[in-house]
């Protein structure tokens, strides 16, 4: 039983993240502490687009806030 649990855990680390590279990039920028308007300018998109993408990422990761999404990515060493 112990072996099966370990194998399942290691498989999770190998699996690709459920979000795109662009979303990981956005989380990396958010992790720097930039406000959304500056993030939007950095990505050449609107504030609304950034907010919508953050909401989409949170939904995909099943977290509530952008901070939780950033922590999720950091724990997996994606950012």
Foldseek 3Di string as FASTA:
>chain_A
DVVVVVVVVVVVLPDDDQDDPVLLVLLVVVVVVDDLCVSCVVVVHHSVVSVVSLVVQCVSVVHDGSVVSSVVCVVSVSD
